[in-house]
Amino acid sequence: MKYESGMQIIYDVVKKGVFIEFRNRSHYLEGPFPSQRDAIRAAEEHCRKLGWQNEPA
């Protein structure tokens, strides 16, 4: 799946949360998430709610 230019998702291995950079704004989802995959899925869903329309690559 393709992210927008400048969109970043970084898993926080210490607190098991996820940092998000989306449209020049920073967000943090605290979790804890059971896995990195779950954290990234939550971050992507958060970005969808903010208007990201991902298209399959």
Protein backbone atom coordinates (compact mmCIF):
# COMPACT_ATOMS: atom_id res chain seq x y z
CA MET A 1 0.00 0.00 0.00
CA LYS A 2 1.26 3.43 -0.88
CA TYR A 3 1.64 6.21 1.67
CA GLU A 4 1.32 9.90 0.89
CA SER A 5 4.49 11.90 0.46
CA GLY A 6 5.83 12.72 3.92
CA MET A 7 3.61 10.17 5.67
CA GLN A 8 5.54 8.11 8.22
CA ILE A 9 4.59 5.46 10.75
CA ILE A 10 7.17 4.47 13.36
CA TYR A 11 6.60 1.75 15.94
CA ASP A 12 7.71 2.58 19.49
CA VAL A 13 9.27 -0.66 20.71
CA VAL A 14 9.63 0.60 24.29
CA LYS A 15 6.03 1.68 24.96
CA LYS A 16 4.48 -0.42 22.16
CA GLY A 17 2.77 2.62 20.69
CA VAL A 18 3.13 4.24 17.29
CA PHE A 19 4.30 7.64 16.07
CA ILE A 20 2.57 9.06 13.00
CA GLU A 21 3.58 11.95 10.77
CA PHE A 22 0.68 12.80 8.48
CA ARG A 23 0.15 15.96 6.47
CA ASN A 24 2.72 17.88 8.51
CA ARG A 25 1.13 16.96 11.84
CA SER A 26 2.45 14.55 14.44
CA HIS A 27 0.31 12.03 16.28
CA TYR A 28 1.04 9.32 18.83
CA LEU A 29 -1.21 6.34 19.53
CA GLU A 30 -0.28 5.03 22.95
CA GLY A 31 -1.38 1.43 22.80
CA PRO A 32 0.06 -0.81 24.04
CA PHE A 33 -0.48 -2.80 20.89
CA PRO A 34 0.10 -6.57 20.96
CA SER A 35 2.46 -6.40 17.96
CA GLN A 36 4.15 -4.02 15.54
CA ARG A 37 1.74 -5.16 12.84
CA ASP A 38 -1.27 -4.22 15.01
CA ALA A 39 0.25 -0.82 15.78
CA ILE A 40 0.83 -0.08 12.09
CA ARG A 41 -2.71 -1.15 11.22
CA ALA A 42 -4.08 1.19 13.91
CA ALA A 43 -1.91 4.03 12.59
CA GLU A 44 -3.11 3.46 9.04
CA GLU A 45 -6.73 3.44 10.22
CA HIS A 46 -6.09 6.70 12.08
CA CYS A 47 -4.74 8.23 8.86
CA ARG A 48 -7.80 7.03 6.94
CA LYS A 49 -10.00 8.88 9.43
CA LEU A 50 -7.91 11.99 8.71
CA GLY A 51 -8.51 11.67 4.96
CA TRP A 52 -5.86 9.31 3.63
CA GLN A 53 -7.19 7.28 0.74
CA ASN A 54 -4.74 4.47 0.21
CA GLU A 55 -4.67 2.69 -3.09
CA PRO A 56 -3.06 -0.70 -3.71
CA ALA A 57 0.42 -0.33 -5.19
